[in-house]
Amino acid sequence: MRPPTVAAANLANAYNINSLMEAFGGESLLVEQKVARTLGKWVGWDQAMGIACNGGKITLMYAIRSALSRLLPDSQCQGLTGETVVFSSEGGHYCVEHIASQLGLGSDNCWRVPSNNAGQMCPKALLLLMERAHAQGKKIAAIICAGGTTINFNCEDTRVIHEVVEGFVSREALSYRPYLHLDSVIGWVYFTLLQGGLKRLPATQLPGNAVAQRLEAICERFSGLAHFDSFGVDFHKTGLCPYNNSYFVSQDRRFMDELGDGKYRFSERDFEPGQLRAYRYTFENSRGASGILSSWVALKKFGKQGLGAYIFRLQQGRETLVAAIKRQALFTQLNEKTLGHEVVFLIPFASDLSSRCVTNDELAKAFMQHCWQLTNTGVQFPLFSIVPNYRINNDPADVTTAFLLTPCHTELTNDDWDWVLRQIAEQKVVFETRYRQRQISQVSEHFERPIK
């Protein structure tokens, strides 16, 4: 977060604005669309519009509901009928099944597409699943692609995905095309580097620059976004804004009809001054303006180039952290191939403790609880997290329970990261001693998903 965006959010809360309709929401609905249009133009969508909402999960709900309405227009009035599925990358966010259930599609109708060893949706696997769905008489409403949202910065090659989908649609002479959504609630900030933005960062022009090489690879994976229908944004993750501040951004305004009740259709009159009514297409009627104003201030204060420089510095922070891990040799980095700035690492526990357990899993979870209890007592301690069922190098046969550190501050030095790692290492020794003395019981929490 930065003071200007926090001040903007507080100001909007002080005015107690409800961005339900333009008549009493003031200019908040106009600013909301200015933010969406700005973000859309970064990927070449000149007519982009969108919705400010509370979290990345809601952006996915908007995308899938739009896709269902586009495929099955009558479902807005009559409900879902027939055989319909949505696809999501195996490495994508775990909430997609829950969304499918909430929208009445059913979690069983969310099909996961296997990933390759680069963590991307496998094109051959995607084609096979599309063929299977078609052979079973099912329609594919949407394909949810990962855009750097999850651990390991799983990110599809958008150009390849589009080509596979278009080829299948043409070959089978389908009467529809699956809706393409990029779940980019972390990765969206890299859109600032598209359309020549990367070359405008002087530091990326140094030969052999590892950060620049990762950024170039990310830009290449986003090269097919012109053919997508929507994407998700979390300003509270990589946009320097306070919670909650997310956007569903669509290539055009069709979503306003697709998210409605099926009885109202937007016309040019709805966009005349004072006429826009967001309640016709939003899930919420009570819509605060803090996210809208703080995101607009972030865009005005830092700009496209400023946000690009920010993500570059976060990537440099990752390099500094990795160097500290190697220098201290206390832990082992596991995600060397990631394109993101997060660092996943393994903590080796004492051999006499490990011999008591079938796997490292029990010790790792108990240690995480130990650290959480420490922070809950008010002790100044680094904030890091746990990653259950982590696939090393995206290999489903090589799974462990790992830990996660994500640089969020751009000014941390070598000494700062040394302190962070020493604090974790010192508590590891304390934990092992207490575990031997049976002062720590086995973990009582069930860690079902990666905690970020």
Protein backbone atom coordinates (compact mmCIF):
# COMPACT_ATOMS: atom_id res chain seq x y z
CA MET A 1 0.00 0.00 0.00
CA ARG A 2 0.98 3.62 -0.44
CA PRO A 3 -0.32 6.66 1.52
CA PRO A 4 -2.12 8.26 -1.47
CA THR A 5 -4.20 5.15 -2.18
CA VAL A 6 -5.02 4.66 1.51
CA ALA A 7 -6.05 8.31 1.77
CA ALA A 8 -8.28 7.93 -1.30
CA ALA A 9 -10.00 4.87 0.17
CA ASN A 10 -10.54 6.66 3.49
CA LEU A 11 -11.93 9.72 1.72
CA ALA A 12 -14.44 7.61 -0.20
CA ASN A 13 -15.49 5.92 3.04
CA ALA A 14 -15.85 9.30 4.75
CA TYR A 15 -18.27 10.42 2.04
CA ASN A 16 -20.09 7.08 2.43
CA ILE A 17 -20.73 6.70 -1.31
CA ASN A 18 -22.86 3.88 -2.69
CA SER A 19 -21.87 3.23 -6.30
CA LEU A 20 -25.18 1.61 -7.12
CA MET A 21 -26.37 4.09 -9.71
CA GLU A 22 -25.09 7.32 -11.13
CA ALA A 23 -27.99 9.38 -9.81
CA PHE A 24 -26.62 9.27 -6.26
CA GLY A 25 -23.20 7.69 -6.74
CA GLY A 26 -21.77 10.88 -8.15
CA GLU A 27 -18.84 10.40 -10.50
CA SER A 28 -17.85 7.08 -8.90
CA LEU A 29 -19.36 5.01 -11.72
CA LEU A 30 -17.58 7.13 -14.31
CA VAL A 31 -14.26 6.72 -12.47
CA GLU A 32 -14.92 2.97 -12.25
CA GLN A 33 -15.17 2.77 -16.03
CA LYS A 34 -12.13 5.00 -16.49
CA VAL A 35 -10.09 2.51 -14.46
CA ALA A 36 -11.41 -0.44 -16.48
CA ARG A 37 -10.82 1.37 -19.79
CA THR A 38 -7.25 2.26 -18.78
CA LEU A 39 -6.45 -1.34 -17.86
CA GLY A 40 -8.06 -2.64 -21.04
CA LYS A 41 -6.03 -0.32 -23.25
CA TRP A 42 -2.84 -1.81 -21.84
CA VAL A 43 -3.71 -5.03 -23.70
CA GLY A 44 -5.20 -3.33 -26.76
CA TRP A 45 -8.88 -3.26 -25.75
CA ASP A 46 -9.99 0.23 -26.71
CA GLN A 47 -13.64 -0.37 -25.73
CA ALA A 48 -12.99 -2.11 -22.41
CA MET A 49 -15.42 -1.69 -19.53
CA GLY A 50 -15.67 -3.45 -16.20
CA ILE A 51 -16.84 -3.83 -12.63
CA ALA A 52 -15.10 -2.94 -9.37
CA CYS A 53 -15.66 -5.75 -6.89
CA ASN A 54 -14.45 -7.44 -3.71
CA GLY A 55 -11.79 -9.98 -4.61
CA GLY A 56 -10.48 -12.16 -7.40
CA LYS A 57 -13.07 -14.85 -6.76
CA ILE A 58 -15.81 -12.40 -7.69
CA THR A 59 -14.01 -11.53 -10.93
CA LEU A 60 -14.11 -15.23 -11.82
CA MET A 61 -17.81 -15.40 -10.98
CA TYR A 62 -18.52 -12.49 -13.31
CA ALA A 63 -16.50 -14.15 -16.07
CA ILE A 64 -18.19 -17.55 -15.82
CA ARG A 65 -21.68 -16.05 -15.51
CA SER A 66 -21.00 -13.90 -18.59
CA ALA A 67 -19.80 -16.98 -20.45
CA LEU A 68 -22.91 -18.98 -19.52
CA SER A 69 -25.21 -16.18 -20.65
CA ARG A 70 -23.34 -15.76 -23.92
CA LEU A 71 -23.57 -19.48 -24.64
CA LEU A 72 -27.09 -19.98 -23.24
CA PRO A 73 -29.00 -16.66 -23.42
CA ASP A 74 -32.25 -18.25 -22.23
CA SER A 75 -30.55 -19.35 -18.99
CA GLN A 76 -30.87 -15.80 -17.65
CA CYS A 77 -34.63 -16.28 -17.37
CA GLN A 78 -35.11 -20.05 -17.42
CA GLY A 79 -32.04 -21.31 -15.58
CA LEU A 80 -29.28 -23.61 -16.74
CA THR A 81 -30.24 -26.58 -18.87
CA GLY A 82 -28.34 -29.10 -20.96
CA GLU A 83 -24.79 -30.34 -20.77
CA THR A 84 -22.39 -27.47 -20.13
CA VAL A 85 -18.84 -27.44 -18.75
CA VAL A 86 -16.11 -24.93 -18.01
CA PHE A 87 -12.40 -25.65 -18.23
CA SER A 88 -9.72 -24.39 -15.89
CA SER A 89 -5.99 -24.89 -15.81
CA GLU A 90 -4.74 -27.56 -13.41
CA GLY A 91 -2.45 -24.91 -11.94
CA GLY A 92 -5.22 -22.33 -11.70
CA HIS A 93 -6.97 -21.13 -8.57
CA TYR A 94 -8.77 -23.73 -6.48
CA CYS A 95 -12.00 -21.70 -6.17
CA VAL A 96 -13.29 -22.36 -9.70
CA GLU A 97 -15.17 -25.52 -8.68
CA HIS A 98 -16.84 -23.63 -5.85
CA ILE A 99 -17.90 -20.89 -8.25
CA ALA A 100 -19.33 -23.47 -10.66
CA SER A 101 -21.38 -24.82 -7.77
CA GLN A 102 -22.55 -21.39 -6.63
CA LEU A 103 -23.68 -20.45 -10.14
CA GLY A 104 -25.75 -23.61 -10.49
CA LEU A 105 -23.44 -25.22 -13.03
CA GLY A 106 -22.15 -27.82 -10.57
CA SER A 107 -18.58 -28.43 -9.44
CA ASP A 108 -18.41 -31.69 -11.41
CA ASN A 109 -18.81 -29.64 -14.57
CA CYS A 110 -15.53 -27.83 -13.96
CA TRP A 111 -12.88 -29.80 -15.82
CA ARG A 112 -9.21 -29.25 -15.02
CA VAL A 113 -6.79 -29.21 -17.95
CA PRO A 114 -3.43 -30.85 -17.10
CA SER A 115 -0.33 -28.67 -17.06
CA ASN A 116 3.04 -29.29 -18.66
CA ASN A 117 6.39 -29.16 -16.87
CA ALA A 118 6.47 -25.37 -17.34
CA GLY A 119 3.27 -25.01 -15.32
CA GLN A 120 1.25 -23.98 -18.37
CA MET A 121 -2.02 -25.43 -19.61
CA CYS A 122 -0.92 -28.22 -21.94
CA PRO A 123 -2.23 -27.49 -25.48
CA LYS A 124 -2.53 -31.19 -26.36
CA ALA A 125 -4.42 -31.90 -23.15
CA LEU A 126 -6.73 -28.95 -23.82
CA LEU A 127 -7.51 -30.26 -27.29
CA LEU A 128 -8.18 -33.77 -25.97
CA LEU A 129 -10.59 -32.46 -23.34
CA MET A 130 -12.39 -30.30 -25.90
CA GLU A 131 -12.78 -33.33 -28.14
CA ARG A 132 -14.07 -35.41 -25.22
CA ALA A 133 -16.62 -32.77 -24.23
CA HIS A 134 -17.80 -32.43 -27.83
CA ALA A 135 -18.10 -36.20 -28.25
CA GLN A 136 -20.26 -36.33 -25.11
CA GLY A 137 -22.55 -33.63 -26.44
CA LYS A 138 -21.36 -31.03 -23.95
CA LYS A 139 -20.83 -27.35 -24.69
CA ILE A 140 -17.76 -25.57 -23.32
CA ALA A 141 -18.93 -22.28 -21.87
CA ALA A 142 -15.56 -20.93 -20.76
CA ILE A 143 -11.87 -21.67 -20.51
CA ILE A 144 -10.32 -20.07 -17.43
CA CYS A 145 -6.61 -19.51 -18.01
CA ALA A 146 -4.02 -18.80 -15.32
CA GLY A 147 -2.32 -15.44 -15.68
CA GLY A 148 0.32 -15.59 -12.98
CA THR A 149 -2.26 -15.86 -10.23
CA THR A 150 -1.10 -18.82 -8.21
CA ILE A 151 2.14 -19.99 -6.60
CA ASN A 152 4.86 -20.62 -9.22
CA PHE A 153 3.31 -17.82 -11.29
CA ASN A 154 1.49 -20.39 -13.42
CA CYS A 155 0.82 -18.51 -16.63
CA GLU A 156 -0.64 -19.80 -19.87
CA ASP A 157 0.63 -18.93 -23.31
CA THR A 158 -2.46 -16.97 -24.33
CA ARG A 159 -1.58 -16.99 -28.02
CA VAL A 160 -1.27 -20.79 -28.10
CA ILE A 161 -4.51 -21.29 -26.15
CA HIS A 162 -6.37 -19.03 -28.57
CA GLU A 163 -4.97 -20.90 -31.58
CA VAL A 164 -5.99 -24.29 -30.14
CA VAL A 165 -9.52 -23.06 -29.41
CA GLU A 166 -9.98 -21.36 -32.79
CA GLY A 167 -8.67 -24.42 -34.61
CA PHE A 168 -11.10 -26.70 -32.78
CA VAL A 169 -14.06 -24.38 -33.34
CA SER A 170 -13.28 -24.19 -37.06
CA ARG A 171 -12.68 -27.91 -37.52
CA GLU A 172 -15.87 -28.93 -35.71
CA ALA A 173 -17.88 -26.06 -37.24
CA LEU A 174 -19.18 -25.08 -33.80
CA SER A 175 -21.91 -22.48 -33.60
CA TYR A 176 -20.16 -20.84 -30.65
CA ARG A 177 -16.68 -20.12 -29.34
CA PRO A 178 -15.74 -20.83 -25.71
CA TYR A 179 -15.34 -17.69 -23.62
CA LEU A 180 -11.69 -16.99 -22.74
CA HIS A 181 -10.91 -15.43 -19.36
CA LEU A 182 -7.47 -14.73 -17.91
CA ASP A 183 -7.30 -15.02 -14.14
CA SER A 184 -4.56 -12.41 -13.81
CA VAL A 185 -5.29 -10.90 -10.40
CA ILE A 186 -1.55 -10.92 -9.62
CA GLY A 187 -0.11 -10.94 -13.13
CA TRP A 188 -2.15 -7.99 -14.46
CA VAL A 189 0.55 -5.50 -13.44
CA TYR A 190 2.81 -7.02 -16.11
CA PHE A 191 0.39 -5.66 -18.73
CA THR A 192 2.22 -2.37 -18.18
CA LEU A 193 5.19 -3.92 -20.00
CA LEU A 194 3.24 -4.78 -23.15
CA GLN A 195 3.15 -2.59 -26.26
CA GLY A 196 6.77 -1.49 -25.78
CA GLY A 197 6.54 -0.89 -22.04
CA LEU A 198 9.35 -3.32 -21.27
CA LYS A 199 11.81 -1.47 -23.51
CA ARG A 200 11.03 1.78 -21.72
CA LEU A 201 12.54 0.39 -18.51
CA PRO A 202 16.27 1.20 -18.87
CA ALA A 203 17.35 -1.43 -16.34
CA THR A 204 15.91 -4.24 -18.48
CA GLN A 205 18.27 -3.45 -21.34
CA LEU A 206 21.36 -4.74 -19.53
CA PRO A 207 22.71 -7.88 -21.25
CA GLY A 208 22.22 -11.11 -19.33
CA ASN A 209 19.75 -9.53 -16.90
CA ALA A 210 17.83 -12.45 -15.34
CA VAL A 211 14.90 -10.23 -14.35
CA ALA A 212 14.60 -8.86 -17.89
CA GLN A 213 14.59 -12.38 -19.29
CA ARG A 214 11.70 -13.37 -17.03
CA LEU A 215 9.77 -10.24 -17.94
CA GLU A 216 10.26 -10.91 -21.65
CA ALA A 217 8.91 -14.44 -21.17
CA ILE A 218 5.85 -13.11 -19.34
CA CYS A 219 5.15 -10.57 -22.08
CA GLU A 220 5.36 -13.33 -24.67
CA ARG A 221 2.81 -15.42 -22.78
CA PHE A 222 0.41 -12.47 -22.76
CA SER A 223 0.79 -11.85 -26.50
CA GLY A 224 -2.59 -13.43 -27.33
CA LEU A 225 -4.71 -11.31 -25.00
CA ALA A 226 -6.30 -9.41 -27.88
CA HIS A 227 -8.38 -12.55 -28.48
CA PHE A 228 -9.57 -12.99 -24.87
CA ASP A 229 -12.91 -11.82 -23.53
CA SER A 230 -12.02 -10.67 -20.02
CA PHE A 231 -9.41 -10.65 -17.28
CA GLY A 232 -9.24 -10.14 -13.51
CA VAL A 233 -7.29 -7.56 -11.50
CA ASP A 234 -6.47 -7.24 -7.79
CA PHE A 235 -5.18 -3.77 -6.97
CA HIS A 236 -4.74 -4.92 -3.38
CA LYS A 237 -2.16 -7.50 -4.50
CA THR A 238 0.11 -5.74 -6.97
CA GLY A 239 -1.49 -2.31 -7.36
CA LEU A 240 -0.36 -0.64 -4.11
CA CYS A 241 -3.94 -0.30 -2.82
CA PRO A 242 -5.64 -1.43 0.41
CA TYR A 243 -8.18 -4.26 0.60
CA ASN A 244 -10.62 -4.93 -1.04
CA ASN A 245 -9.97 -3.71 -4.53
CA SER A 246 -10.56 -5.92 -7.56
CA TYR A 247 -11.79 -5.46 -11.11
CA PHE A 248 -13.47 -7.65 -13.67
CA VAL A 249 -12.42 -6.14 -17.01
CA SER A 250 -14.24 -7.08 -20.22
CA GLN A 251 -13.22 -6.34 -23.79
CA ASP A 252 -16.52 -4.51 -24.37
CA ARG A 253 -19.83 -3.76 -22.67
CA ARG A 254 -21.63 -7.00 -23.57
CA PHE A 255 -21.23 -8.21 -19.99
CA MET A 256 -23.79 -5.63 -18.86
CA ASP A 257 -26.51 -7.55 -20.68
CA GLU A 258 -25.03 -10.97 -19.95
CA LEU A 259 -25.00 -10.33 -16.19
CA GLY A 260 -28.54 -8.97 -16.13
CA ASP A 261 -31.89 -10.66 -15.54
CA GLY A 262 -32.45 -11.34 -19.23
CA LYS A 263 -35.24 -8.80 -19.53
CA TYR A 264 -33.32 -5.54 -19.83
CA ARG A 265 -30.92 -4.58 -22.60
CA PHE A 266 -28.52 -1.65 -22.40
CA SER A 267 -28.70 1.07 -25.03
CA GLU A 268 -26.87 4.32 -25.65
CA ARG A 269 -29.36 6.08 -23.41
CA ASP A 270 -27.97 4.21 -20.40
CA PHE A 271 -24.65 6.00 -20.89
CA GLU A 272 -26.02 9.51 -20.97
CA PRO A 273 -25.13 11.67 -17.94
CA GLY A 274 -26.91 10.51 -14.79
CA GLN A 275 -28.46 7.40 -16.35
CA LEU A 276 -26.07 4.50 -15.63
CA ARG A 277 -27.42 1.95 -13.15
CA ALA A 278 -24.82 -0.58 -12.04
CA TYR A 279 -27.34 -2.68 -10.13
CA ARG A 280 -28.60 -4.07 -13.43
CA TYR A 281 -25.39 -6.12 -13.84
CA THR A 282 -23.58 -6.32 -10.47
CA PHE A 283 -23.89 -9.06 -7.86
CA GLU A 284 -24.02 -6.42 -5.14
CA ASN A 285 -26.32 -3.49 -4.56
CA SER A 286 -24.31 -2.09 -1.66
CA ARG A 287 -21.17 -0.95 -3.47
CA GLY A 288 -18.69 1.24 -1.65
CA ALA A 289 -16.41 3.53 -3.65
CA SER A 290 -13.17 3.11 -1.70
CA GLY A 291 -11.72 0.59 -4.17
CA ILE A 292 -12.76 2.68 -7.15
CA LEU A 293 -11.15 5.87 -5.89
CA SER A 294 -7.97 4.26 -4.56
CA SER A 295 -7.36 2.35 -7.81
CA TRP A 296 -7.86 5.55 -9.83
CA VAL A 297 -5.39 7.37 -7.59
CA ALA A 298 -2.89 4.52 -8.06
CA LEU A 299 -3.15 4.85 -11.82
CA LYS A 300 -2.86 8.64 -11.72
CA LYS A 301 -0.08 8.72 -9.12
CA PHE A 302 2.18 5.97 -10.45
CA GLY A 303 1.04 5.58 -14.04
CA LYS A 304 1.76 2.74 -16.42
CA GLN A 305 5.51 3.28 -16.35
CA GLY A 306 5.61 3.67 -12.57
CA LEU A 307 3.76 0.39 -11.99
CA GLY A 308 6.06 -1.29 -14.51
CA ALA A 309 9.08 -0.04 -12.59
CA TYR A 310 7.48 -1.26 -9.35
CA ILE A 311 7.07 -4.84 -10.59
CA PHE A 312 10.64 -4.73 -11.91
CA ARG A 313 11.87 -3.81 -8.42
CA LEU A 314 9.80 -6.62 -6.89
CA GLN A 315 11.54 -9.01 -9.28
CA GLN A 316 14.87 -7.58 -8.18
CA GLY A 317 13.77 -8.18 -4.58
CA ARG A 318 13.28 -11.81 -5.44
CA GLU A 319 16.87 -11.95 -6.74
CA THR A 320 18.13 -10.46 -3.47
CA LEU A 321 16.13 -12.96 -1.41
CA VAL A 322 17.33 -15.93 -3.47
CA ALA A 323 20.92 -14.74 -3.08
CA ALA A 324 20.43 -14.57 0.71
CA ILE A 325 19.04 -18.12 0.77
CA LYS A 326 22.07 -19.39 -1.13
CA ARG A 327 24.48 -17.36 0.98
CA GLN A 328 23.14 -18.63 4.30
CA ALA A 329 22.57 -22.19 3.05
CA LEU A 330 19.91 -22.77 5.72
CA PHE A 331 17.00 -23.43 3.36
CA THR A 332 16.58 -24.62 -0.23
CA GLN A 333 14.73 -22.73 -2.95
CA LEU A 334 12.32 -24.98 -4.83
CA ASN A 335 10.85 -22.74 -7.54
CA GLU A 336 13.89 -21.70 -9.53
CA LYS A 337 11.89 -21.84 -12.78
CA THR A 338 9.13 -19.47 -11.70
CA LEU A 339 8.58 -16.29 -13.70
CA GLY A 340 7.09 -14.52 -10.70
CA HIS A 341 8.69 -12.76 -7.74
CA GLU A 342 7.57 -15.25 -5.10
CA VAL A 343 10.07 -17.66 -3.52
CA VAL A 344 9.07 -21.17 -2.44
CA PHE A 345 11.58 -22.87 -0.17
CA LEU A 346 12.12 -26.02 1.86
CA ILE A 347 13.05 -26.02 5.54
CA PRO A 348 15.09 -29.11 6.50
CA PHE A 349 14.18 -30.22 10.01
CA ALA A 350 16.52 -32.14 12.30
CA SER A 351 16.97 -35.76 11.26
CA ASP A 352 15.97 -37.16 14.65
CA LEU A 353 12.60 -35.41 14.33
CA SER A 354 12.09 -36.41 10.72
CA SER A 355 12.65 -40.05 11.60
CA ARG A 356 9.56 -39.94 13.82
CA CYS A 357 7.34 -38.90 10.93
CA VAL A 358 6.37 -40.59 7.70
CA THR A 359 7.00 -37.38 5.79
CA ASN A 360 8.21 -33.84 6.32
CA ASP A 361 4.57 -32.75 6.12
CA GLU A 362 3.70 -33.08 9.81
CA LEU A 363 6.73 -31.13 10.99
CA ALA A 364 6.22 -28.38 8.44
CA LYS A 365 2.61 -27.82 9.46
CA ALA A 366 3.44 -27.89 13.16
CA PHE A 367 6.23 -25.35 12.60
CA MET A 368 3.87 -23.07 10.70
CA GLN A 369 1.43 -23.16 13.62
CA HIS A 370 4.31 -22.39 15.99
CA CYS A 371 5.19 -19.28 13.97
CA TRP A 372 1.58 -18.14 13.74
CA GLN A 373 1.22 -18.41 17.51
CA LEU A 374 4.34 -16.29 17.82
CA THR A 375 2.93 -13.47 15.68
CA ASN A 376 -0.42 -13.72 17.47
CA THR A 377 1.33 -12.79 20.72
CA GLY A 378 2.62 -9.58 19.14
CA VAL A 379 6.22 -10.64 18.49
CA GLN A 380 7.84 -8.89 15.51
CA PHE A 381 8.40 -11.79 13.18
CA PRO A 382 8.57 -12.17 9.39
CA LEU A 383 5.29 -12.99 7.67
CA PHE A 384 5.66 -16.09 5.55
CA SER A 385 3.29 -18.89 4.65
CA ILE A 386 2.97 -22.59 3.99
CA VAL A 387 2.34 -24.41 0.70
CA PRO A 388 0.87 -27.90 1.20
CA ASN A 389 1.12 -30.37 -1.68
CA TYR A 390 3.66 -28.25 -3.54
CA ARG A 391 4.77 -29.72 -6.86
CA ILE A 392 8.51 -29.26 -7.29
CA ASN A 393 9.18 -28.16 -10.88
CA ASN A 394 5.49 -28.82 -11.61
CA ASP A 395 6.09 -32.57 -11.26
CA PRO A 396 3.01 -34.36 -9.82
CA ALA A 397 5.28 -37.18 -8.66
CA ASP A 398 7.53 -34.87 -6.62
CA VAL A 399 5.34 -33.28 -3.94
CA THR A 400 6.23 -31.78 -0.57
CA THR A 401 5.04 -29.26 2.00
CA ALA A 402 7.00 -26.08 1.40
CA PHE A 403 7.05 -22.47 2.57
CA LEU A 404 6.50 -19.17 0.79
CA LEU A 405 8.08 -15.72 1.00
CA THR A 406 6.84 -13.00 -1.34
CA PRO A 407 8.80 -9.73 -1.56
CA CYS A 408 6.30 -6.87 -1.27
CA HIS A 409 8.68 -4.09 -0.25
CA THR A 410 10.99 -2.74 -2.93
CA GLU A 411 13.65 -1.34 -0.59
CA LEU A 412 14.73 -4.44 1.35
CA THR A 413 18.51 -4.88 1.40
CA ASN A 414 20.79 -7.89 1.75
CA ASP A 415 20.92 -7.24 5.50
CA ASP A 416 17.12 -7.11 5.69
CA TRP A 417 16.72 -10.48 4.01
CA ASP A 418 19.50 -11.97 6.13
CA TRP A 419 17.54 -10.86 9.21
CA VAL A 420 14.32 -12.41 7.86
CA LEU A 421 15.96 -15.77 7.20
CA ARG A 422 17.82 -15.76 10.53
CA GLN A 423 14.58 -15.13 12.41
CA ILE A 424 12.93 -18.10 10.73
CA ALA A 425 16.01 -20.28 11.33
CA GLU A 426 16.19 -19.30 15.01
CA GLN A 427 12.54 -20.18 15.53
CA LYS A 428 13.14 -23.48 13.78
CA VAL A 429 15.68 -24.35 16.50
CA VAL A 430 13.24 -23.28 19.23
CA PHE A 431 10.49 -25.34 17.61
CA GLU A 432 12.66 -28.45 17.32
CA THR A 433 13.67 -28.22 20.98
CA ARG A 434 10.07 -27.86 22.13
CA TYR A 435 8.98 -30.67 19.82
CA ARG A 436 11.57 -33.03 21.34
CA GLN A 437 10.38 -32.08 24.80
CA ARG A 438 6.80 -32.77 23.67
CA GLN A 439 5.80 -29.17 24.40
CA ILE A 440 4.34 -29.04 20.90
CA SER A 441 1.63 -31.47 19.90
CA GLN A 442 0.91 -32.68 16.42
CA VAL A 443 -0.74 -30.20 14.10
CA SER A 444 -4.46 -29.73 14.66
CA GLU A 445 -5.18 -27.57 11.61
CA HIS A 446 -6.17 -29.08 8.27
CA PHE A 447 -4.22 -27.29 5.55
CA GLU A 448 -6.30 -28.09 2.49
CA ARG A 449 -5.00 -25.40 0.14
CA PRO A 450 -1.97 -23.16 -0.26
CA ILE A 451 -2.31 -20.26 2.15
CA LYS A 452 -1.22 -16.96 0.64
